[in-house]
Amino acid sequence: MLVDTVANSSDSVADVLNKAAEIGENAVEKGRESARVLADTGLDYIGDVSERVSSFVKRDPWVAIAGAFVVGYAVAHLFRQMK
């Protein structure tokens, strides 16, 4: 009688652990899928921005050079102030 109770309890514990492992595996897979979707979205966005910047530089190279100079100067100024 006691042996049967212990055997049934261990089977129940094993079932609960298996179910918990399955839930964990499903959660990990959903997390991976979400990460893939976010990465794809980010890559699409970066590609779009890169295409727009490239188009702008081809269209107005002098404005792009001046903008790069201004941004570089501002960043250098900020870094000097941080010292």
Protein backbone atom coordinates (compact mmCIF):
# COMPACT_ATOMS: atom_id res chain seq x y z
CA MET A 1 0.00 0.00 0.00
CA LEU A 2 2.75 2.48 0.94
CA VAL A 3 4.82 1.33 -2.01
CA ASP A 4 1.91 2.00 -4.37
CA THR A 5 1.42 5.48 -2.90
CA VAL A 6 5.12 6.28 -3.31
CA ALA A 7 5.11 4.93 -6.88
CA ASN A 8 2.01 6.98 -7.77
CA SER A 9 3.54 10.09 -6.19
CA SER A 10 6.79 9.67 -8.12
CA ASP A 11 4.81 9.21 -11.35
CA SER A 12 2.88 12.40 -10.57
CA VAL A 13 6.09 14.29 -9.87
CA ALA A 14 7.60 13.00 -13.11
CA ASP A 15 4.49 14.09 -15.03
CA VAL A 16 4.63 17.57 -13.49
CA LEU A 17 8.34 17.89 -14.29
CA ASN A 18 7.80 16.74 -17.87
CA LYS A 19 4.96 19.23 -18.29
CA ALA A 20 7.12 22.03 -16.83
CA ALA A 21 9.97 21.12 -19.19
CA GLU A 22 7.56 21.18 -22.15
CA ILE A 23 6.23 24.59 -21.12
CA GLY A 24 9.79 25.86 -20.76
CA GLU A 25 10.77 24.56 -24.19
CA ASN A 26 7.72 26.22 -25.74
CA ALA A 27 8.56 29.51 -24.05
CA VAL A 28 12.15 29.35 -25.29
CA GLU A 29 10.99 28.63 -28.85
CA LYS A 30 8.54 31.54 -28.74
CA GLY A 31 11.36 33.77 -27.47
CA ARG A 32 13.63 32.65 -30.30
CA GLU A 33 10.90 33.30 -32.86
CA SER A 34 10.27 36.76 -31.42
CA ALA A 35 13.99 37.50 -31.57
CA ARG A 36 14.10 36.36 -35.21
CA VAL A 37 11.17 38.61 -36.10
CA LEU A 38 12.74 41.60 -34.32
CA ALA A 39 16.10 40.96 -35.98
CA ASP A 40 14.48 40.76 -39.41
CA THR A 41 12.54 43.94 -38.76
CA GLY A 42 15.70 45.70 -37.58
CA LEU A 43 17.66 44.55 -40.62
CA ASP A 44 14.89 45.75 -42.93
CA TYR A 45 14.89 49.13 -41.18
CA ILE A 46 18.68 49.44 -41.36
CA GLY A 47 18.61 48.51 -45.04
CA ASP A 48 15.96 51.14 -45.71
CA VAL A 49 17.91 53.83 -43.83
CA SER A 50 21.12 52.84 -45.60
CA GLU A 51 19.37 53.08 -48.97
CA ARG A 52 17.97 56.51 -48.13
CA VAL A 53 21.35 57.80 -46.91
CA SER A 54 23.07 56.43 -50.00
CA SER A 55 20.48 58.11 -52.22
CA PHE A 56 20.90 61.41 -50.37
CA VAL A 57 24.70 61.30 -50.63
CA LYS A 58 24.48 60.62 -54.37
CA ARG A 59 21.98 63.44 -54.82
CA ASP A 60 23.67 66.07 -52.58
CA PRO A 61 27.28 65.06 -51.83
CA TRP A 62 28.39 68.48 -50.59
CA VAL A 63 25.53 68.72 -48.12
CA ALA A 64 26.34 65.19 -46.89
CA ILE A 65 30.02 66.11 -46.41
CA ALA A 66 29.08 69.28 -44.54
CA GLY A 67 26.63 67.33 -42.36
CA ALA A 68 29.27 64.71 -41.58
CA PHE A 69 31.71 67.48 -40.61
CA VAL A 70 29.16 69.14 -38.30
CA VAL A 71 28.24 65.85 -36.64
CA GLY A 72 31.92 64.90 -36.23
CA TYR A 73 32.74 68.30 -34.76
CA ALA A 74 29.83 68.09 -32.30
CA VAL A 75 30.80 64.58 -31.19
CA ALA A 76 34.44 65.60 -30.74
CA HIS A 77 33.35 68.63 -28.72
CA LEU A 78 31.19 66.46 -26.47
CA PHE A 79 34.04 64.00 -25.92
CA ARG A 80 36.42 66.84 -25.01
CA GLN A 81 33.93 68.11 -22.42
CA MET A 82 33.66 64.64 -20.86
CA LYS A 83 37.38 64.57 -19.93
